[in-house]
Amino acid sequence: MEELNIQNIIQHLRKFAKDRDWDQFHTPKNLSMALAVEASELLEQFQWLTEEQSLRLKDPAYDVDKRQAISEEIADVLLYTFRMADILNIDLAAVTRDKLKKNAEKYPINKSRGLATKYNQLK
């Protein structure tokens, strides 16, 4: 497969869906539901882990099978996100850049450093 970037991934997903006649199913509603299901499957990988066990998963040598399952669920979430953005004509690079800027404004370092407080409750 060629070097991947957002546009290549989107093109690949378009072709994948077209080749299988799946465009009929890839409505924004259906894709948002599929995305939620995949996010839940990612969450399920952590369901019964302790905080310590979840942190150990950062080590590539720790529980290789679990890390593989998590990796696949993350990929599924990304792929549905790319497909949904394409169907809705959303420029992922642009909206990501804009959202990063908004988050930096909502969570200034001097008010949010070391805190897990929502932006509207920062002092």
PDB file of N, CA and C in Angstrom:
ATOM      1  N   MET A   1       0.852  -1.181   0.000  1.00  0.00           N
ATOM      2  CA  MET A   1       0.000   0.000   0.000  1.00  0.00           C
ATOM      3  C   MET A   1       0.895   1.241   0.000  1.00  0.00           C
ATOM      4  N   GLU A   2       0.437   2.292  -0.683  1.00  0.00           N
ATOM      5  CA  GLU A   2       1.215   3.530  -0.773  1.00  0.00           C
ATOM      6  C   GLU A   2       1.316   4.230   0.575  1.00  0.00           C
ATOM      7  N   GLU A   3       2.192   5.231   0.625  1.00  0.00           N
ATOM      8  CA  GLU A   3       2.324   6.061   1.832  1.00  0.00           C
ATOM      9  C   GLU A   3       0.956   6.636   2.174  1.00  0.00           C
ATOM     10  N   LEU A   4       0.574   6.531   3.437  1.00  0.00           N
ATOM     11  CA  LEU A   4      -0.760   6.983   3.825  1.00  0.00           C
ATOM     12  C   LEU A   4      -0.743   8.411   4.356  1.00  0.00           C
ATOM     13  N   ASN A   5      -1.709   9.160   3.917  1.00  0.00           N
ATOM     14  CA  ASN A   5      -2.035  10.453   4.476  1.00  0.00           C
ATOM     15  C   ASN A   5      -3.557  10.536   4.462  1.00  0.00           C
ATOM     16  N   ILE A   6      -4.111  11.592   4.996  1.00  0.00           N
ATOM     17  CA  ILE A   6      -5.565  11.672   5.109  1.00  0.00           C
ATOM     18  C   ILE A   6      -6.240  11.471   3.755  1.00  0.00           C
ATOM     19  N   GLN A   7      -5.757  12.141   2.734  1.00  0.00           N
ATOM     20  CA  GLN A   7      -6.407  12.057   1.428  1.00  0.00           C
ATOM     21  C   GLN A   7      -6.313  10.651   0.841  1.00  0.00           C
ATOM     22  N   ASN A   8      -5.170   9.984   0.990  1.00  0.00           N
ATOM     23  CA  ASN A   8      -5.029   8.605   0.495  1.00  0.00           C
ATOM     24  C   ASN A   8      -5.970   7.659   1.231  1.00  0.00           C
ATOM     25  N   ILE A   9      -6.093   7.844   2.519  1.00  0.00           N
ATOM     26  CA  ILE A   9      -6.995   6.989   3.303  1.00  0.00           C
ATOM     27  C   ILE A   9      -8.429   7.192   2.830  1.00  0.00           C
ATOM     28  N   ILE A  10      -8.829   8.434   2.656  1.00  0.00           N
ATOM     29  CA  ILE A  10     -10.190   8.723   2.201  1.00  0.00           C
ATOM     30  C   ILE A  10     -10.438   8.111   0.822  1.00  0.00           C
ATOM     31  N   GLN A  11      -9.482   8.256  -0.079  1.00  0.00           N
ATOM     32  CA  GLN A  11      -9.631   7.664  -1.416  1.00  0.00           C
ATOM     33  C   GLN A  11      -9.761   6.136  -1.317  1.00  0.00           C
ATOM     34  N   HIS A  12      -8.945   5.532  -0.483  1.00  0.00           N
ATOM     35  CA  HIS A  12      -9.009   4.083  -0.308  1.00  0.00           C
ATOM     36  C   HIS A  12     -10.382   3.675   0.240  1.00  0.00           C
ATOM     37  N   LEU A  13     -10.886   4.401   1.226  1.00  0.00           N
ATOM     38  CA  LEU A  13     -12.199   4.079   1.802  1.00  0.00           C
ATOM     39  C   LEU A  13     -13.322   4.274   0.791  1.00  0.00           C
ATOM     40  N   ARG A  14     -13.245   5.303  -0.033  1.00  0.00           N
ATOM     41  CA  ARG A  14     -14.236   5.513  -1.098  1.00  0.00           C
ATOM     42  C   ARG A  14     -14.290   4.310  -2.029  1.00  0.00           C
ATOM     43  N   LYS A  15     -13.112   3.889  -2.468  1.00  0.00           N
ATOM     44  CA  LYS A  15     -13.041   2.756  -3.389  1.00  0.00           C
ATOM     45  C   LYS A  15     -13.521   1.477  -2.715  1.00  0.00           C
ATOM     46  N   PHE A  16     -13.103   1.260  -1.491  1.00  0.00           N
ATOM     47  CA  PHE A  16     -13.510   0.083  -0.731  1.00  0.00           C
ATOM     48  C   PHE A  16     -15.035   0.003  -0.657  1.00  0.00           C
ATOM     49  N   ALA A  17     -15.678   1.119  -0.317  1.00  0.00           N
ATOM     50  CA  ALA A  17     -17.140   1.149  -0.212  1.00  0.00           C
ATOM     51  C   ALA A  17     -17.796   0.986  -1.585  1.00  0.00           C
ATOM     52  N   LYS A  18     -17.265   1.666  -2.590  1.00  0.00           N
ATOM     53  CA  LYS A  18     -17.843   1.587  -3.940  1.00  0.00           C
ATOM     54  C   LYS A  18     -17.747   0.168  -4.491  1.00  0.00           C
ATOM     55  N   ASP A  19     -16.595  -0.463  -4.338  1.00  0.00           N
ATOM     56  CA  ASP A  19     -16.402  -1.826  -4.831  1.00  0.00           C
ATOM     57  C   ASP A  19     -17.390  -2.813  -4.218  1.00  0.00           C
ATOM     58  N   ARG A  20     -17.853  -2.533  -3.030  1.00  0.00           N
ATOM     59  CA  ARG A  20     -18.766  -3.427  -2.315  1.00  0.00           C
ATOM     60  C   ARG A  20     -20.217  -2.933  -2.345  1.00  0.00           C
ATOM     61  N   ASP A  21     -20.464  -1.832  -3.069  1.00  0.00           N
ATOM     62  CA  ASP A  21     -21.793  -1.216  -3.140  1.00  0.00           C
ATOM     63  C   ASP A  21     -22.311  -0.862  -1.748  1.00  0.00           C
ATOM     64  N   TRP A  22     -21.429  -0.289  -0.934  1.00  0.00           N
ATOM     65  CA  TRP A  22     -21.792   0.076   0.426  1.00  0.00           C
ATOM     66  C   TRP A  22     -22.144   1.552   0.577  1.00  0.00           C
ATOM     67  N   ASP A  23     -21.987   2.353  -0.477  1.00  0.00           N
ATOM     68  CA  ASP A  23     -22.325   3.773  -0.350  1.00  0.00           C
ATOM     69  C   ASP A  23     -23.771   3.959   0.120  1.00  0.00           C
ATOM     70  N   GLN A  24     -24.628   3.055  -0.294  1.00  0.00           N
ATOM     71  CA  GLN A  24     -26.035   3.139   0.101  1.00  0.00           C
ATOM     72  C   GLN A  24     -26.220   3.057   1.616  1.00  0.00           C
ATOM     73  N   PHE A  25     -25.276   2.437   2.290  1.00  0.00           N
ATOM     74  CA  PHE A  25     -25.369   2.285   3.748  1.00  0.00           C
ATOM     75  C   PHE A  25     -24.600   3.361   4.501  1.00  0.00           C
ATOM     76  N   HIS A  26     -23.720   4.050   3.814  1.00  0.00           N
ATOM     77  CA  HIS A  26     -22.833   5.018   4.467  1.00  0.00           C
ATOM     78  C   HIS A  26     -23.464   6.407   4.548  1.00  0.00           C
ATOM     79  N   THR A  27     -24.595   6.469   5.226  1.00  0.00           N
ATOM     80  CA  THR A  27     -25.238   7.747   5.494  1.00  0.00           C
ATOM     81  C   THR A  27     -24.617   8.344   6.747  1.00  0.00           C
ATOM     82  N   PRO A  28     -24.726   9.647   6.937  1.00  0.00           N
ATOM     83  CA  PRO A  28     -24.190  10.232   8.174  1.00  0.00           C
ATOM     84  C   PRO A  28     -24.746   9.562   9.432  1.00  0.00           C
ATOM     85  N   LYS A  29     -26.036   9.256   9.435  1.00  0.00           N
ATOM     86  CA  LYS A  29     -26.634   8.599  10.598  1.00  0.00           C
ATOM     87  C   LYS A  29     -25.995   7.241  10.842  1.00  0.00           C
ATOM     88  N   ASN A  30     -25.905   6.429   9.818  1.00  0.00           N
ATOM     89  CA  ASN A  30     -25.347   5.086   9.977  1.00  0.00           C
ATOM     90  C   ASN A  30     -23.871   5.132  10.353  1.00  0.00           C
ATOM     91  N   LEU A  31     -23.128   6.025   9.749  1.00  0.00           N
ATOM     92  CA  LEU A  31     -21.706   6.129  10.061  1.00  0.00           C
ATOM     93  C   LEU A  31     -21.485   6.621  11.485  1.00  0.00           C
ATOM     94  N   SER A  32     -22.325   7.552  11.946  1.00  0.00           N
ATOM     95  CA  SER A  32     -22.167   8.022  13.323  1.00  0.00           C
ATOM     96  C   SER A  32     -22.472   6.898  14.309  1.00  0.00           C
ATOM     97  N   MET A  33     -23.446   6.062  13.974  1.00  0.00           N
ATOM     98  CA  MET A  33     -23.760   4.922  14.838  1.00  0.00           C
ATOM     99  C   MET A  33     -22.621   3.905  14.817  1.00  0.00           C
ATOM    100  N   ALA A  34     -22.073   3.630  13.645  1.00  0.00           N
ATOM    101  CA  ALA A  34     -20.952   2.690  13.537  1.00  0.00           C
ATOM    102  C   ALA A  34     -19.744   3.211  14.300  1.00  0.00           C
ATOM    103  N   LEU A  35     -19.501   4.505  14.228  1.00  0.00           N
ATOM    104  CA  LEU A  35     -18.399   5.120  14.959  1.00  0.00           C
ATOM    105  C   LEU A  35     -18.586   4.946  16.465  1.00  0.00           C
ATOM    106  N   ALA A  36     -19.805   5.148  16.933  1.00  0.00           N
ATOM    107  CA  ALA A  36     -20.088   4.969  18.365  1.00  0.00           C
ATOM    108  C   ALA A  36     -19.881   3.520  18.793  1.00  0.00           C
ATOM    109  N   VAL A  37     -20.263   2.585  17.947  1.00  0.00           N
ATOM    110  CA  VAL A  37     -20.064   1.162  18.256  1.00  0.00           C
ATOM    111  C   VAL A  37     -18.576   0.853  18.359  1.00  0.00           C
ATOM    112  N   GLU A  38     -17.786   1.350  17.404  1.00  0.00           N
ATOM    113  CA  GLU A  38     -16.347   1.092  17.434  1.00  0.00           C
ATOM    114  C   GLU A  38     -15.693   1.735  18.655  1.00  0.00           C
ATOM    115  N   ALA A  39     -16.132   2.941  19.010  1.00  0.00           N
ATOM    116  CA  ALA A  39     -15.602   3.591  20.214  1.00  0.00           C
ATOM    117  C   ALA A  39     -15.954   2.768  21.451  1.00  0.00           C
ATOM    118  N   SER A  40     -17.140   2.173  21.467  1.00  0.00           N
ATOM    119  CA  SER A  40     -17.532   1.311  22.583  1.00  0.00           C
ATOM    120  C   SER A  40     -16.684   0.049  22.623  1.00  0.00           C
ATOM    121  N   GLU A  41     -16.338  -0.483  21.452  1.00  0.00           N
ATOM    122  CA  GLU A  41     -15.474  -1.669  21.415  1.00  0.00           C
ATOM    123  C   GLU A  41     -14.068  -1.337  21.920  1.00  0.00           C
ATOM    124  N   LEU A  42     -13.617  -0.121  21.665  1.00  0.00           N
ATOM    125  CA  LEU A  42     -12.343   0.327  22.233  1.00  0.00           C
ATOM    126  C   LEU A  42     -12.466   0.422  23.755  1.00  0.00           C
ATOM    127  N   LEU A  43     -13.512   1.030  24.221  1.00  0.00           N
ATOM    128  CA  LEU A  43     -13.763   1.148  25.657  1.00  0.00           C
ATOM    129  C   LEU A  43     -13.820  -0.224  26.324  1.00  0.00           C
ATOM    130  N   GLU A  44     -14.416  -1.183  25.645  1.00  0.00           N
ATOM    131  CA  GLU A  44     -14.540  -2.531  26.190  1.00  0.00           C
ATOM    132  C   GLU A  44     -13.173  -3.162  26.494  1.00  0.00           C
ATOM    133  N   GLN A  45     -12.165  -2.800  25.723  1.00  0.00           N
ATOM    134  CA  GLN A  45     -10.822  -3.344  25.945  1.00  0.00           C
ATOM    135  C   GLN A  45     -10.254  -2.936  27.308  1.00  0.00           C
ATOM    136  N   PHE A  46     -10.770  -1.861  27.876  1.00  0.00           N
ATOM    137  CA  PHE A  46     -10.285  -1.342  29.161  1.00  0.00           C
ATOM    138  C   PHE A  46     -11.257  -1.598  30.310  1.00  0.00           C
ATOM    139  N   GLN A  47     -12.384  -2.195  30.004  1.00  0.00           N
ATOM    140  CA  GLN A  47     -13.495  -2.284  30.947  1.00  0.00           C
ATOM    141  C   GLN A  47     -13.110  -2.798  32.332  1.00  0.00           C
ATOM    142  N   TRP A  48     -12.387  -3.863  32.433  1.00  0.00           N
ATOM    143  CA  TRP A  48     -12.110  -4.455  33.744  1.00  0.00           C
ATOM    144  C   TRP A  48     -10.663  -4.295  34.181  1.00  0.00           C
ATOM    145  N   LEU A  49      -9.930  -3.436  33.509  1.00  0.00           N
ATOM    146  CA  LEU A  49      -8.542  -3.195  33.890  1.00  0.00           C
ATOM    147  C   LEU A  49      -8.465  -2.181  35.022  1.00  0.00           C
ATOM    148  N   THR A  50      -7.453  -2.336  35.855  1.00  0.00           N
ATOM    149  CA  THR A  50      -7.179  -1.302  36.846  1.00  0.00           C
ATOM    150  C   THR A  50      -6.452  -0.156  36.144  1.00  0.00           C
ATOM    151  N   GLU A  51      -6.325   0.960  36.818  1.00  0.00           N
ATOM    152  CA  GLU A  51      -5.560   2.082  36.256  1.00  0.00           C
ATOM    153  C   GLU A  51      -4.131   1.637  35.953  1.00  0.00           C
ATOM    154  N   GLU A  52      -3.546   0.875  36.889  1.00  0.00           N
ATOM    155  CA  GLU A  52      -2.169   0.410  36.715  1.00  0.00           C
ATOM    156  C   GLU A  52      -2.043  -0.497  35.492  1.00  0.00           C
ATOM    157  N   GLN A  53      -2.980  -1.423  35.307  1.00  0.00           N
ATOM    158  CA  GLN A  53      -2.939  -2.307  34.137  1.00  0.00           C
ATOM    159  C   GLN A  53      -3.076  -1.512  32.839  1.00  0.00           C
ATOM    160  N   SER A  54      -3.946  -0.519  32.844  1.00  0.00           N
ATOM    161  CA  SER A  54      -4.116   0.276  31.621  1.00  0.00           C
ATOM    162  C   SER A  54      -2.846   1.059  31.295  1.00  0.00           C
ATOM    163  N   LEU A  55      -2.168   1.549  32.319  1.00  0.00           N
ATOM    164  CA  LEU A  55      -0.918   2.284  32.093  1.00  0.00           C
ATOM    165  C   LEU A  55       0.198   1.364  31.595  1.00  0.00           C
ATOM    166  N   ARG A  56       0.200   0.116  32.037  1.00  0.00           N
ATOM    167  CA  ARG A  56       1.216  -0.827  31.573  1.00  0.00           C
ATOM    168  C   ARG A  56       1.124  -1.073  30.071  1.00  0.00           C
ATOM    169  N   LEU A  57      -0.044  -0.851  29.491  1.00  0.00           N
ATOM    170  CA  LEU A  57      -0.241  -1.080  28.059  1.00  0.00           C
ATOM    171  C   LEU A  57       0.556  -0.117  27.190  1.00  0.00           C
ATOM    172  N   LYS A  58       1.151   0.916  27.786  1.00  0.00           N
ATOM    173  CA  LYS A  58       2.030   1.807  27.015  1.00  0.00           C
ATOM    174  C   LYS A  58       3.293   1.084  26.576  1.00  0.00           C
ATOM    175  N   ASP A  59       3.678   0.057  27.304  1.00  0.00           N
ATOM    176  CA  ASP A  59       4.876  -0.731  26.993  1.00  0.00           C
ATOM    177  C   ASP A  59       4.554  -1.706  25.857  1.00  0.00           C
ATOM    178  N   PRO A  60       5.220  -1.557  24.703  1.00  0.00           N
ATOM    179  CA  PRO A  60       4.927  -2.434  23.557  1.00  0.00           C
ATOM    180  C   PRO A  60       5.111  -3.924  23.849  1.00  0.00           C
ATOM    181  N   ALA A  61       5.892  -4.275  24.857  1.00  0.00           N
ATOM    182  CA  ALA A  61       6.128  -5.682  25.172  1.00  0.00           C
ATOM    183  C   ALA A  61       5.090  -6.247  26.142  1.00  0.00           C
ATOM    184  N   TYR A  62       4.264  -5.386  26.716  1.00  0.00           N
ATOM    185  CA  TYR A  62       3.278  -5.822  27.705  1.00  0.00           C
ATOM    186  C   TYR A  62       1.987  -6.242  27.007  1.00  0.00           C
ATOM    187  N   ASP A  63       1.526  -7.418  27.265  1.00  0.00           N
ATOM    188  CA  ASP A  63       0.255  -7.955  26.743  1.00  0.00           C
ATOM    189  C   ASP A  63       0.053  -7.604  25.268  1.00  0.00           C
ATOM    190  N   VAL A  64       0.866  -8.230  24.459  1.00  0.00           N
ATOM    191  CA  VAL A  64       0.889  -7.951  23.015  1.00  0.00           C
ATOM    192  C   VAL A  64      -0.483  -8.164  22.386  1.00  0.00           C
ATOM    193  N   ASP A  65      -1.188  -9.213  22.793  1.00  0.00           N
ATOM    194  CA  ASP A  65      -2.512  -9.474  22.223  1.00  0.00           C
ATOM    195  C   ASP A  65      -3.507  -8.364  22.560  1.00  0.00           C
ATOM    196  N   LYS A  66      -3.474  -7.889  23.783  1.00  0.00           N
ATOM    197  CA  LYS A  66      -4.376  -6.807  24.202  1.00  0.00           C
ATOM    198  C   LYS A  66      -4.045  -5.536  23.435  1.00  0.00           C
ATOM    199  N   ARG A  67      -2.757  -5.252  23.310  1.00  0.00           N
ATOM    200  CA  ARG A  67      -2.335  -4.062  22.557  1.00  0.00           C
ATOM    201  C   ARG A  67      -2.777  -4.156  21.094  1.00  0.00           C
ATOM    202  N   GLN A  68      -2.714  -5.355  20.518  1.00  0.00           N
ATOM    203  CA  GLN A  68      -3.155  -5.536  19.134  1.00  0.00           C
ATOM    204  C   GLN A  68      -4.657  -5.275  19.010  1.00  0.00           C
ATOM    205  N   ALA A  69      -5.429  -5.798  19.930  1.00  0.00           N
ATOM    206  CA  ALA A  69      -6.884  -5.575  19.912  1.00  0.00           C
ATOM    207  C   ALA A  69      -7.209  -4.092  20.049  1.00  0.00           C
ATOM    208  N   ILE A  70      -6.508  -3.412  20.944  1.00  0.00           N
ATOM    209  CA  ILE A  70      -6.712  -1.970  21.133  1.00  0.00           C
ATOM    210  C   ILE A  70      -6.327  -1.213  19.865  1.00  0.00           C
ATOM    211  N   SER A  71      -5.218  -1.590  19.267  1.00  0.00           N
ATOM    212  CA  SER A  71      -4.766  -0.938  18.033  1.00  0.00           C
ATOM    213  C   SER A  71      -5.809  -1.063  16.928  1.00  0.00           C
ATOM    214  N   GLU A  72      -6.384  -2.236  16.798  1.00  0.00           N
ATOM    215  CA  GLU A  72      -7.397  -2.450  15.759  1.00  0.00           C
ATOM    216  C   GLU A  72      -8.653  -1.633  16.019  1.00  0.00           C
ATOM    217  N   GLU A  73      -9.045  -1.517  17.275  1.00  0.00           N
ATOM    218  CA  GLU A  73     -10.232  -0.707  17.587  1.00  0.00           C
ATOM    219  C   GLU A  73      -9.960   0.778  17.329  1.00  0.00           C
ATOM    220  N   ILE A  74      -8.758   1.235  17.663  1.00  0.00           N
ATOM    221  CA  ILE A  74      -8.398   2.626  17.370  1.00  0.00           C
ATOM    222  C   ILE A  74      -8.450   2.859  15.863  1.00  0.00           C
ATOM    223  N   ALA A  75      -7.924   1.919  15.088  1.00  0.00           N
ATOM    224  CA  ALA A  75      -7.962   2.051  13.625  1.00  0.00           C
ATOM    225  C   ALA A  75      -9.403   2.097  13.125  1.00  0.00           C
ATOM    226  N   ASP A  76     -10.274   1.260  13.679  1.00  0.00           N
ATOM    227  CA  ASP A  76     -11.683   1.279  13.264  1.00  0.00           C
ATOM    228  C   ASP A  76     -12.318   2.643  13.534  1.00  0.00           C
ATOM    229  N   VAL A  77     -12.036   3.208  14.710  1.00  0.00           N
ATOM    230  CA  VAL A  77     -12.568   4.538  15.047  1.00  0.00           C
ATOM    231  C   VAL A  77     -12.079   5.568  14.036  1.00  0.00           C
ATOM    232  N   LEU A  78     -10.797   5.518  13.723  1.00  0.00           N
ATOM    233  CA  LEU A  78     -10.241   6.466  12.750  1.00  0.00           C
ATOM    234  C   LEU A  78     -10.852   6.287  11.369  1.00  0.00           C
ATOM    235  N   LEU A  79     -10.976   5.047  10.925  1.00  0.00           N
ATOM    236  CA  LEU A  79     -11.509   4.809   9.587  1.00  0.00           C
ATOM    237  C   LEU A  79     -12.948   5.293   9.455  1.00  0.00           C
ATOM    238  N   TYR A  80     -13.777   5.041  10.452  1.00  0.00           N
ATOM    239  CA  TYR A  80     -15.147   5.553  10.399  1.00  0.00           C
ATOM    240  C   TYR A  80     -15.167   7.076  10.474  1.00  0.00           C
ATOM    241  N   THR A  81     -14.256   7.654  11.230  1.00  0.00           N
ATOM    242  CA  THR A  81     -14.165   9.119  11.292  1.00  0.00           C
ATOM    243  C   THR A  81     -13.802   9.688   9.928  1.00  0.00           C
ATOM    244  N   PHE A  82     -12.804   9.090   9.262  1.00  0.00           N
ATOM    245  CA  PHE A  82     -12.424   9.545   7.925  1.00  0.00           C
ATOM    246  C   PHE A  82     -13.582   9.397   6.947  1.00  0.00           C
ATOM    247  N   ARG A  83     -14.266   8.275   6.994  1.00  0.00           N
ATOM    248  CA  ARG A  83     -15.383   8.033   6.056  1.00  0.00           C
ATOM    249  C   ARG A  83     -16.506   9.033   6.302  1.00  0.00           C
ATOM    250  N   MET A  84     -16.831   9.262   7.553  1.00  0.00           N
ATOM    251  CA  MET A  84     -17.912  10.196   7.877  1.00  0.00           C
ATOM    252  C   MET A  84     -17.562  11.616   7.434  1.00  0.00           C
ATOM    253  N   ALA A  85     -16.338  12.034   7.686  1.00  0.00           N
ATOM    254  CA  ALA A  85     -15.910  13.366   7.250  1.00  0.00           C
ATOM    255  C   ALA A  85     -16.008  13.489   5.734  1.00  0.00           C
ATOM    256  N   ASP A  86     -15.625  12.450   5.018  1.00  0.00           N
ATOM    257  CA  ASP A  86     -15.707  12.471   3.562  1.00  0.00           C
ATOM    258  C   ASP A  86     -17.153  12.590   3.094  1.00  0.00           C
ATOM    259  N   ILE A  87     -18.027  11.795   3.655  1.00  0.00           N
ATOM    260  CA  ILE A  87     -19.446  11.820   3.266  1.00  0.00           C
ATOM    261  C   ILE A  87     -20.050  13.206   3.525  1.00  0.00           C
ATOM    262  N   LEU A  88     -19.622  13.849   4.603  1.00  0.00           N
ATOM    263  CA  LEU A  88     -20.164  15.167   4.978  1.00  0.00           C
ATOM    264  C   LEU A  88     -19.350  16.332   4.396  1.00  0.00           C
ATOM    265  N   ASN A  89     -18.353  16.020   3.561  1.00  0.00           N
ATOM    266  CA  ASN A  89     -17.504  17.053   2.958  1.00  0.00           C
ATOM    267  C   ASN A  89     -16.860  17.949   4.011  1.00  0.00           C
ATOM    268  N   ILE A  90     -16.289  17.317   5.008  1.00  0.00           N
ATOM    269  CA  ILE A  90     -15.599  18.038   6.075  1.00  0.00           C
ATOM    270  C   ILE A  90     -14.096  17.852   5.877  1.00  0.00           C
ATOM    271  N   ASP A  91     -13.374  18.949   5.864  1.00  0.00           N
ATOM    272  CA  ASP A  91     -11.920  18.928   5.716  1.00  0.00           C
ATOM    273  C   ASP A  91     -11.315  18.634   7.085  1.00  0.00           C
ATOM    274  N   LEU A  92     -10.893  17.387   7.279  1.00  0.00           N
ATOM    275  CA  LEU A  92     -10.392  16.970   8.590  1.00  0.00           C
ATOM    276  C   LEU A  92      -9.179  17.767   9.045  1.00  0.00           C
ATOM    277  N   ALA A  93      -8.273  18.058   8.137  1.00  0.00           N
ATOM    278  CA  ALA A  93      -7.081  18.827   8.522  1.00  0.00           C
ATOM    279  C   ALA A  93      -7.487  20.208   9.025  1.00  0.00           C
ATOM    280  N   ALA A  94      -8.403  20.857   8.316  1.00  0.00           N
ATOM    281  CA  ALA A  94      -8.827  22.210   8.696  1.00  0.00           C
ATOM    282  C   ALA A  94      -9.582  22.215  10.023  1.00  0.00           C
ATOM    283  N   VAL A  95     -10.522  21.286  10.193  1.00  0.00           N
ATOM    284  CA  VAL A  95     -11.297  21.297  11.441  1.00  0.00           C
ATOM    285  C   VAL A  95     -10.443  20.873  12.631  1.00  0.00           C
ATOM    286  N   THR A  96      -9.461  20.001  12.386  1.00  0.00           N
ATOM    287  CA  THR A  96      -8.554  19.610  13.466  1.00  0.00           C
ATOM    288  C   THR A  96      -7.692  20.787  13.888  1.00  0.00           C
ATOM    289  N   ARG A  97      -7.143  21.509  12.919  1.00  0.00           N
ATOM    290  CA  ARG A  97      -6.340  22.693  13.214  1.00  0.00           C
ATOM    291  C   ARG A  97      -7.175  23.713  13.997  1.00  0.00           C
ATOM    292  N   ASP A  98      -8.415  23.968  13.540  1.00  0.00           N
ATOM    293  CA  ASP A  98      -9.285  24.931  14.211  1.00  0.00           C
ATOM    294  C   ASP A  98      -9.632  24.489  15.632  1.00  0.00           C
ATOM    295  N   LYS A  99      -9.881  23.200  15.807  1.00  0.00           N
ATOM    296  CA  LYS A  99     -10.239  22.699  17.133  1.00  0.00           C
ATOM    297  C   LYS A  99      -9.052  22.766  18.093  1.00  0.00           C
ATOM    298  N   LEU A 100      -7.849  22.476  17.598  1.00  0.00           N
ATOM    299  CA  LEU A 100      -6.657  22.612  18.440  1.00  0.00           C
ATOM    300  C   LEU A 100      -6.497  24.055  18.916  1.00  0.00           C
ATOM    301  N   LYS A 101      -6.754  24.998  18.030  1.00  0.00           N
ATOM    302  CA  LYS A 101      -6.654  26.416  18.394  1.00  0.00           C
ATOM    303  C   LYS A 101      -7.704  26.772  19.447  1.00  0.00           C
ATOM    304  N   LYS A 102      -8.948  26.323  19.235  1.00  0.00           N
ATOM    305  CA  LYS A 102     -10.018  26.597  20.203  1.00  0.00           C
ATOM    306  C   LYS A 102      -9.688  25.987  21.566  1.00  0.00           C
ATOM    307  N   ASN A 103      -9.171  24.757  21.561  1.00  0.00           N
ATOM    308  CA  ASN A 103      -8.825  24.106  22.834  1.00  0.00           C
ATOM    309  C   ASN A 103      -7.729  24.872  23.569  1.00  0.00           C
ATOM    310  N   ALA A 104      -6.753  25.373  22.830  1.00  0.00           N
ATOM    311  CA  ALA A 104      -5.679  26.160  23.455  1.00  0.00           C
ATOM    312  C   ALA A 104      -6.240  27.426  24.087  1.00  0.00           C
ATOM    313  N   GLU A 105      -7.244  28.016  23.457  1.00  0.00           N
ATOM    314  CA  GLU A 105      -7.872  29.221  24.010  1.00  0.00           C
ATOM    315  C   GLU A 105      -8.735  28.886  25.224  1.00  0.00           C
ATOM    316  N   LYS A 106      -9.445  27.770  25.174  1.00  0.00           N
ATOM    317  CA  LYS A 106     -10.317  27.374  26.279  1.00  0.00           C
ATOM    318  C   LYS A 106      -9.529  26.872  27.489  1.00  0.00           C
ATOM    319  N   TYR A 107      -8.347  26.321  27.227  1.00  0.00           N
ATOM    320  CA  TYR A 107      -7.528  25.752  28.294  1.00  0.00           C
ATOM    321  C   TYR A 107      -6.143  26.405  28.309  1.00  0.00           C
ATOM    322  N   PRO A 108      -6.078  27.679  28.720  1.00  0.00           N
ATOM    323  CA  PRO A 108      -4.768  28.327  28.780  1.00  0.00           C
ATOM    324  C   PRO A 108      -3.876  27.625  29.818  1.00  0.00           C
ATOM    325  N   ILE A 109      -2.609  27.538  29.505  1.00  0.00           N
ATOM    326  CA  ILE A 109      -1.665  26.814  30.362  1.00  0.00           C
ATOM    327  C   ILE A 109      -1.704  27.336  31.791  1.00  0.00           C
ATOM    328  N   ASN A 110      -1.715  28.656  31.948  1.00  0.00           N
ATOM    329  CA  ASN A 110      -1.646  29.224  33.299  1.00  0.00           C
ATOM    330  C   ASN A 110      -2.878  28.906  34.142  1.00  0.00           C
ATOM    331  N   LYS A 111      -3.986  28.516  33.527  1.00  0.00           N
ATOM    332  CA  LYS A 111      -5.195  28.191  34.284  1.00  0.00           C
ATOM    333  C   LYS A 111      -5.477  26.694  34.353  1.00  0.00           C
ATOM    334  N   SER A 112      -4.945  25.926  33.424  1.00  0.00           N
ATOM    335  CA  SER A 112      -5.345  24.519  33.336  1.00  0.00           C
ATOM    336  C   SER A 112      -4.234  23.510  33.633  1.00  0.00           C
ATOM    337  N   ARG A 113      -3.017  23.980  33.770  1.00  0.00           N
ATOM    338  CA  ARG A 113      -1.893  23.055  33.981  1.00  0.00           C
ATOM    339  C   ARG A 113      -2.116  22.180  35.207  1.00  0.00           C
ATOM    340  N   GLY A 114      -2.056  20.859  34.994  1.00  0.00           N
ATOM    341  CA  GLY A 114      -2.186  19.901  36.085  1.00  0.00           C
ATOM    342  C   GLY A 114      -3.604  19.700  36.583  1.00  0.00           C
ATOM    343  N   LEU A 115      -4.588  20.273  35.909  1.00  0.00           N
ATOM    344  CA  LEU A 115      -5.981  20.162  36.345  1.00  0.00           C
ATOM    345  C   LEU A 115      -6.812  19.390  35.319  1.00  0.00           C
ATOM    346  N   ALA A 116      -7.796  18.660  35.790  1.00  0.00           N
ATOM    347  CA  ALA A 116      -8.744  17.972  34.913  1.00  0.00           C
ATOM    348  C   ALA A 116     -10.098  18.674  34.992  1.00  0.00           C
ATOM    349  N   THR A 117     -10.055  19.977  35.050  1.00  0.00           N
ATOM    350  CA  THR A 117     -11.242  20.802  35.215  1.00  0.00           C
ATOM    351  C   THR A 117     -11.749  21.249  33.853  1.00  0.00           C
ATOM    352  N   LYS A 118     -13.065  21.222  33.665  1.00  0.00           N
ATOM    353  CA  LYS A 118     -13.654  21.666  32.407  1.00  0.00           C
ATOM    354  C   LYS A 118     -13.403  23.168  32.241  1.00  0.00           C
ATOM    355  N   TYR A 119     -13.241  23.589  30.988  1.00  0.00           N
ATOM    356  CA  TYR A 119     -12.855  24.977  30.685  1.00  0.00           C
ATOM    357  C   TYR A 119     -13.770  26.018  31.322  1.00  0.00           C
ATOM    358  N   ASN A 120     -15.053  25.742  31.414  1.00  0.00           N
ATOM    359  CA  ASN A 120     -15.975  26.737  31.959  1.00  0.00           C
ATOM    360  C   ASN A 120     -15.952  26.813  33.490  1.00  0.00           C
ATOM    361  N   GLN A 121     -15.101  25.971  34.106  1.00  0.00           N
ATOM    362  CA  GLN A 121     -14.960  26.002  35.556  1.00  0.00           C
ATOM    363  C   GLN A 121     -13.553  26.400  35.987  1.00  0.00           C
ATOM    364  N   LEU A 122     -12.718  26.752  35.032  1.00  0.00           N
ATOM    365  CA  LEU A 122     -11.358  27.202  35.358  1.00  0.00           C
ATOM    366  C   LEU A 122     -11.417  28.596  35.961  1.00  0.00           C
ATOM    367  N   LYS A 123     -10.529  28.847  36.910  1.00  0.00           N
ATOM    368  CA  LYS A 123     -10.501  30.182  37.544  1.00  0.00           C
ATOM    369  C   LYS A 123      -9.226  30.884  37.196  1.00  0.00           C
TER     370      LYS A 123
END
